[in-house]
N, C-alpha and C. Protein backbone atom coordinates (compact mmCIF):
# COMPACT_ATOMS: atom_id res chain seq x y z
N GLN A 1 95.91 125.48 111.59
CA GLN A 1 96.01 124.03 111.49
C GLN A 1 96.78 123.50 112.70
N VAL A 2 96.27 122.42 113.26
CA VAL A 2 96.97 121.79 114.38
C VAL A 2 98.24 121.14 113.86
N GLN A 3 99.34 121.39 114.55
CA GLN A 3 100.62 120.79 114.19
C GLN A 3 101.08 119.86 115.30
N PHE A 4 101.96 118.92 114.93
CA PHE A 4 102.41 117.90 115.88
C PHE A 4 103.92 117.82 115.90
N VAL A 5 104.48 117.67 117.09
CA VAL A 5 105.92 117.52 117.25
C VAL A 5 106.17 116.20 117.99
N GLU A 6 106.89 115.32 117.31
CA GLU A 6 107.18 114.01 117.88
C GLU A 6 108.51 114.04 118.62
N SER A 7 108.61 113.24 119.67
CA SER A 7 109.86 113.14 120.42
C SER A 7 109.92 111.78 121.10
N GLY A 8 111.10 111.46 121.66
CA GLY A 8 111.24 110.24 122.42
C GLY A 8 111.98 109.13 121.71
N GLY A 9 112.31 109.34 120.44
CA GLY A 9 113.03 108.32 119.71
C GLY A 9 114.48 108.22 120.17
N GLY A 10 115.18 107.24 119.62
CA GLY A 10 116.58 107.05 119.97
C GLY A 10 117.05 105.67 119.62
N LEU A 11 118.21 105.34 120.13
CA LEU A 11 118.81 104.02 119.90
C LEU A 11 118.47 103.11 121.07
N VAL A 12 117.98 101.94 120.76
CA VAL A 12 117.60 100.98 121.81
C VAL A 12 118.01 99.58 121.35
N GLN A 13 118.36 98.75 122.30
CA GLN A 13 118.74 97.38 121.97
C GLN A 13 117.51 96.52 121.71
N PRO A 14 117.66 95.47 120.93
CA PRO A 14 116.54 94.54 120.73
C PRO A 14 115.98 94.06 122.06
N GLY A 15 114.67 94.03 122.14
CA GLY A 15 114.00 93.66 123.38
C GLY A 15 113.72 94.82 124.29
N GLY A 16 114.24 95.98 123.96
CA GLY A 16 114.06 97.17 124.79
C GLY A 16 112.74 97.88 124.55
N SER A 17 112.58 99.00 125.26
CA SER A 17 111.34 99.77 125.20
C SER A 17 111.62 101.25 125.01
N LEU A 18 110.66 101.92 124.43
CA LEU A 18 110.69 103.37 124.28
C LEU A 18 109.28 103.90 124.41
N ARG A 19 109.17 105.15 124.82
CA ARG A 19 107.89 105.83 124.79
C ARG A 19 108.02 107.08 123.92
N LEU A 20 107.24 107.11 122.86
CA LEU A 20 107.21 108.27 121.98
C LEU A 20 106.09 109.20 122.43
N SER A 21 106.34 110.49 122.26
CA SER A 21 105.34 111.50 122.59
C SER A 21 105.04 112.35 121.36
N CYS A 22 103.83 112.83 121.30
CA CYS A 22 103.40 113.69 120.20
C CYS A 22 102.65 114.86 120.80
N ALA A 23 103.28 116.02 120.79
CA ALA A 23 102.68 117.22 121.36
C ALA A 23 102.02 118.05 120.27
N ALA A 24 100.78 118.42 120.51
CA ALA A 24 100.04 119.21 119.53
C ALA A 24 100.15 120.70 119.86
N SER A 25 100.14 121.50 118.82
CA SER A 25 100.13 122.95 118.98
C SER A 25 99.23 123.56 117.93
N GLY A 26 98.75 124.79 118.20
CA GLY A 26 97.86 125.44 117.25
C GLY A 26 96.45 124.93 117.30
N GLY A 27 96.14 124.15 118.30
CA GLY A 27 94.81 123.60 118.44
C GLY A 27 94.81 122.53 119.51
N THR A 28 93.67 121.97 119.75
CA THR A 28 93.56 120.96 120.79
C THR A 28 93.14 119.63 120.21
N ILE A 29 93.77 118.55 120.67
CA ILE A 29 93.43 117.23 120.15
C ILE A 29 92.09 116.74 120.68
N SER A 30 91.55 117.42 121.68
CA SER A 30 90.26 116.98 122.21
C SER A 30 89.15 117.10 121.17
N THR A 31 89.38 117.94 120.16
CA THR A 31 88.39 118.08 119.08
C THR A 31 88.69 117.16 117.91
N ILE A 32 89.76 116.38 118.02
CA ILE A 32 90.16 115.48 116.94
C ILE A 32 89.75 114.06 117.31
N TYR A 33 88.86 113.50 116.53
CA TYR A 33 88.31 112.18 116.85
C TYR A 33 89.38 111.09 116.83
N THR A 34 90.19 111.07 115.78
CA THR A 34 91.18 110.01 115.62
C THR A 34 92.59 110.59 115.49
N MET A 35 93.49 110.05 116.30
CA MET A 35 94.91 110.35 116.19
C MET A 35 95.63 109.05 115.88
N ALA A 36 96.76 109.16 115.20
CA ALA A 36 97.44 107.94 114.78
C ALA A 36 98.94 108.12 114.76
N TRP A 37 99.64 107.00 114.87
CA TRP A 37 101.09 106.94 114.67
C TRP A 37 101.35 106.14 113.39
N TYR A 38 102.28 106.66 112.60
CA TYR A 38 102.75 106.00 111.40
C TYR A 38 104.26 105.84 111.50
N ARG A 39 104.82 105.03 110.62
CA ARG A 39 106.27 104.94 110.55
C ARG A 39 106.70 104.77 109.11
N GLN A 40 107.95 105.12 108.87
CA GLN A 40 108.47 105.04 107.50
C GLN A 40 109.95 104.70 107.54
N THR A 41 110.34 103.78 106.67
CA THR A 41 111.75 103.44 106.48
C THR A 41 112.16 103.90 105.08
N PRO A 42 113.44 104.13 104.85
CA PRO A 42 113.90 104.63 103.54
C PRO A 42 113.41 103.75 102.39
N GLY A 43 112.85 104.39 101.39
CA GLY A 43 112.40 103.67 100.21
C GLY A 43 111.07 102.98 100.35
N GLN A 44 110.47 103.10 101.52
CA GLN A 44 109.19 102.44 101.76
C GLN A 44 108.09 103.48 101.99
N ALA A 45 106.87 103.07 101.74
CA ALA A 45 105.74 103.95 102.00
C ALA A 45 105.50 104.06 103.50
N ARG A 46 104.95 105.17 103.89
CA ARG A 46 104.59 105.36 105.29
C ARG A 46 103.48 104.36 105.63
N GLU A 47 103.59 103.71 106.80
CA GLU A 47 102.59 102.71 107.16
C GLU A 47 101.98 103.02 108.53
N LEU A 48 100.72 102.68 108.65
CA LEU A 48 100.00 102.90 109.90
C LEU A 48 100.48 101.92 110.96
N VAL A 49 100.78 102.44 112.14
CA VAL A 49 101.20 101.61 113.26
C VAL A 49 100.04 101.41 114.23
N ALA A 50 99.40 102.49 114.61
CA ALA A 50 98.31 102.41 115.58
C ALA A 50 97.48 103.68 115.50
N GLN A 51 96.21 103.57 115.84
CA GLN A 51 95.36 104.74 115.91
C GLN A 51 94.45 104.63 117.11
N ILE A 52 94.01 105.79 117.59
CA ILE A 52 93.16 105.83 118.76
C ILE A 52 92.06 106.84 118.51
N SER A 53 90.84 106.44 118.81
CA SER A 53 89.68 107.28 118.56
C SER A 53 88.92 107.51 119.86
N THR A 54 88.32 108.65 119.96
CA THR A 54 87.55 109.00 121.14
C THR A 54 86.16 108.44 121.02
N GLY A 55 85.66 107.86 122.11
CA GLY A 55 84.31 107.35 122.10
C GLY A 55 83.30 108.48 122.07
N ARG A 56 82.14 108.19 121.53
CA ARG A 56 81.10 109.21 121.38
C ARG A 56 80.24 109.35 122.63
N SER A 57 80.36 108.40 123.55
CA SER A 57 79.51 108.44 124.73
C SER A 57 80.05 109.44 125.73
N ALA A 58 79.29 109.65 126.78
CA ALA A 58 79.69 110.59 127.82
C ALA A 58 80.89 110.06 128.61
N MET A 59 81.08 108.75 128.60
CA MET A 59 82.22 108.17 129.30
C MET A 59 83.48 108.39 128.49
N ALA A 60 84.59 108.57 129.19
CA ALA A 60 85.87 108.81 128.52
C ALA A 60 86.40 107.48 128.02
N THR A 61 85.89 107.04 126.89
CA THR A 61 86.28 105.77 126.31
C THR A 61 87.09 106.02 125.06
N TYR A 62 88.14 105.26 124.89
CA TYR A 62 88.96 105.36 123.69
C TYR A 62 89.04 103.99 123.02
N TYR A 63 89.10 104.02 121.73
CA TYR A 63 89.19 102.80 120.94
C TYR A 63 90.49 102.81 120.18
N ALA A 64 91.27 101.75 120.34
CA ALA A 64 92.57 101.68 119.69
C ALA A 64 92.61 100.52 118.70
N ASN A 65 93.33 100.75 117.62
CA ASN A 65 93.56 99.71 116.63
C ASN A 65 95.04 99.67 116.30
N TYR A 66 95.55 98.47 116.02
CA TYR A 66 96.97 98.29 115.81
C TYR A 66 97.24 97.50 114.54
N ALA A 67 98.36 97.81 113.92
CA ALA A 67 98.83 96.96 112.82
C ALA A 67 99.24 95.61 113.40
N ASP A 68 99.07 94.58 112.61
CA ASP A 68 99.37 93.23 113.10
C ASP A 68 100.81 93.12 113.60
N PHE A 69 101.72 93.85 112.97
CA PHE A 69 103.13 93.67 113.32
C PHE A 69 103.51 94.33 114.65
N VAL A 70 102.58 95.04 115.30
CA VAL A 70 102.88 95.62 116.60
C VAL A 70 101.90 95.17 117.69
N LYS A 71 100.89 94.42 117.32
CA LYS A 71 99.91 93.98 118.31
C LYS A 71 100.57 93.23 119.45
N GLY A 72 100.19 93.58 120.67
CA GLY A 72 100.75 92.94 121.85
C GLY A 72 102.05 93.54 122.30
N ARG A 73 102.64 94.43 121.49
CA ARG A 73 103.93 95.04 121.87
C ARG A 73 103.82 96.54 122.06
N PHE A 74 103.00 97.20 121.26
CA PHE A 74 102.85 98.65 121.30
C PHE A 74 101.50 99.02 121.89
N THR A 75 101.47 100.14 122.58
CA THR A 75 100.22 100.68 123.11
C THR A 75 100.14 102.16 122.80
N ILE A 76 99.04 102.56 122.18
CA ILE A 76 98.81 103.97 121.90
C ILE A 76 97.88 104.53 122.96
N SER A 77 98.15 105.74 123.37
CA SER A 77 97.28 106.39 124.35
C SER A 77 97.23 107.88 124.04
N ARG A 78 96.26 108.56 124.61
CA ARG A 78 96.14 109.99 124.41
C ARG A 78 95.75 110.65 125.72
N ASP A 79 96.29 111.83 125.95
CA ASP A 79 95.96 112.62 127.12
C ASP A 79 95.47 113.96 126.58
N ASP A 80 94.18 114.07 126.41
CA ASP A 80 93.63 115.28 125.82
C ASP A 80 93.92 116.51 126.68
N ALA A 81 93.98 116.33 127.98
CA ALA A 81 94.26 117.46 128.87
C ALA A 81 95.68 118.01 128.64
N ARG A 82 96.59 117.11 128.31
CA ARG A 82 97.98 117.52 128.04
C ARG A 82 98.22 117.77 126.55
N ASN A 83 97.18 117.57 125.74
CA ASN A 83 97.31 117.77 124.30
C ASN A 83 98.41 116.90 123.70
N THR A 84 98.50 115.67 124.16
CA THR A 84 99.60 114.80 123.79
C THR A 84 99.10 113.38 123.51
N VAL A 85 99.73 112.77 122.53
CA VAL A 85 99.47 111.37 122.21
C VAL A 85 100.78 110.60 122.43
N TYR A 86 100.66 109.38 122.91
CA TYR A 86 101.85 108.58 123.22
C TYR A 86 101.84 107.27 122.44
N LEU A 87 103.03 106.72 122.27
CA LEU A 87 103.17 105.37 121.74
C LEU A 87 104.18 104.65 122.62
N HIS A 88 103.68 103.71 123.40
CA HIS A 88 104.55 102.91 124.25
C HIS A 88 104.97 101.67 123.45
N MET A 89 106.27 101.49 123.31
CA MET A 89 106.78 100.41 122.48
C MET A 89 107.61 99.46 123.32
N ASN A 90 107.23 98.20 123.35
CA ASN A 90 107.95 97.17 124.08
C ASN A 90 108.44 96.09 123.13
N SER A 91 109.35 95.28 123.61
CA SER A 91 109.88 94.15 122.82
C SER A 91 110.29 94.60 121.42
N LEU A 92 111.01 95.68 121.37
CA LEU A 92 111.43 96.22 120.08
C LEU A 92 112.40 95.28 119.38
N ASN A 93 112.29 95.24 118.07
CA ASN A 93 113.22 94.45 117.27
C ASN A 93 113.73 95.29 116.10
N PRO A 94 114.77 94.86 115.44
CA PRO A 94 115.36 95.68 114.38
C PRO A 94 114.37 96.08 113.29
N ALA A 95 113.34 95.27 113.06
CA ALA A 95 112.35 95.62 112.04
C ALA A 95 111.52 96.84 112.43
N ASP A 96 111.59 97.25 113.69
CA ASP A 96 110.87 98.45 114.13
C ASP A 96 111.65 99.73 113.87
N THR A 97 112.87 99.59 113.38
CA THR A 97 113.67 100.77 113.06
C THR A 97 113.01 101.58 111.97
N ALA A 98 112.75 102.85 112.26
CA ALA A 98 112.01 103.71 111.32
C ALA A 98 111.93 105.11 111.91
N VAL A 99 111.43 106.04 111.10
CA VAL A 99 111.03 107.34 111.60
C VAL A 99 109.54 107.26 111.90
N TYR A 100 109.16 107.66 113.10
CA TYR A 100 107.77 107.56 113.55
C TYR A 100 107.13 108.96 113.54
N TYR A 101 105.93 109.00 113.01
CA TYR A 101 105.18 110.25 112.89
C TYR A 101 103.82 110.10 113.56
N CYS A 102 103.33 111.18 114.11
CA CYS A 102 101.94 111.16 114.57
C CYS A 102 101.17 112.21 113.77
N THR A 103 99.90 111.98 113.61
CA THR A 103 99.07 112.90 112.86
C THR A 103 97.60 112.63 113.15
N ALA A 104 96.78 113.54 112.65
CA ALA A 104 95.33 113.36 112.66
C ALA A 104 94.96 112.95 111.25
N PRO A 105 94.81 111.67 110.99
CA PRO A 105 94.70 111.20 109.60
C PRO A 105 93.45 111.64 108.86
N ASN A 106 92.44 112.07 109.59
CA ASN A 106 91.20 112.48 108.93
C ASN A 106 91.11 113.99 108.73
N ASN A 107 92.12 114.73 109.21
CA ASN A 107 92.15 116.17 108.96
C ASN A 107 92.54 116.41 107.51
N ARG A 108 92.09 117.53 106.95
CA ARG A 108 92.47 117.91 105.60
C ARG A 108 92.94 119.36 105.60
N PRO A 109 94.20 119.64 105.23
CA PRO A 109 95.17 118.65 104.80
C PRO A 109 95.75 117.88 105.99
N VAL A 110 96.30 116.71 105.72
CA VAL A 110 96.97 115.95 106.76
C VAL A 110 98.32 116.59 107.04
N TYR A 111 98.59 116.86 108.31
CA TYR A 111 99.85 117.49 108.68
C TYR A 111 100.86 116.42 109.08
N TRP A 112 102.06 116.52 108.49
CA TRP A 112 103.16 115.61 108.86
C TRP A 112 104.30 116.44 109.43
N GLY A 113 104.72 116.09 110.65
CA GLY A 113 105.84 116.76 111.26
C GLY A 113 107.16 116.14 110.82
N GLN A 114 108.20 116.42 111.61
CA GLN A 114 109.52 115.90 111.27
C GLN A 114 109.70 114.45 111.69
N GLY A 115 108.87 113.99 112.58
CA GLY A 115 109.00 112.61 113.05
C GLY A 115 110.11 112.47 114.08
N THR A 116 110.17 111.29 114.66
CA THR A 116 111.24 110.97 115.60
C THR A 116 111.82 109.61 115.21
N ARG A 117 113.14 109.55 115.15
CA ARG A 117 113.79 108.34 114.64
C ARG A 117 113.99 107.33 115.76
N VAL A 118 113.63 106.10 115.44
CA VAL A 118 113.84 104.96 116.35
C VAL A 118 114.78 103.98 115.68
N THR A 119 115.86 103.66 116.35
CA THR A 119 116.82 102.69 115.83
C THR A 119 116.96 101.55 116.83
N VAL A 120 116.67 100.35 116.37
CA VAL A 120 116.79 99.17 117.23
C VAL A 120 117.98 98.36 116.75
N SER A 121 119.01 98.34 117.56
CA SER A 121 120.24 97.68 117.15
C SER A 121 121.07 97.32 118.38
N SER A 122 121.79 96.23 118.26
CA SER A 122 122.69 95.83 119.34
C SER A 122 124.10 96.40 119.08
């Protein structure tokens, strides 16, 4: 089973930026159509932040979708050659404080790593 290790979290001031990374092991993400980032705060359900899917055409096209609460601020990307997925986060605010996870949501079983904690605070 492909496993994922998230990194890049930390403490950032409101308005700041972070880039999260998700490194895959035990397999290659190039065979995984959709990769996604989720986040979770204590006592709350895990929620989808963004997902990125590989286009079916011969061109290297990717399709990204975002939760409304991150549109225009976050960008998801994937580098299949590096077996890594990224989440670029800008204009962070305290409501973005959470543990962030990446996964292949359509794999069965769905693998959840340890996540990386993001804290937005002044």
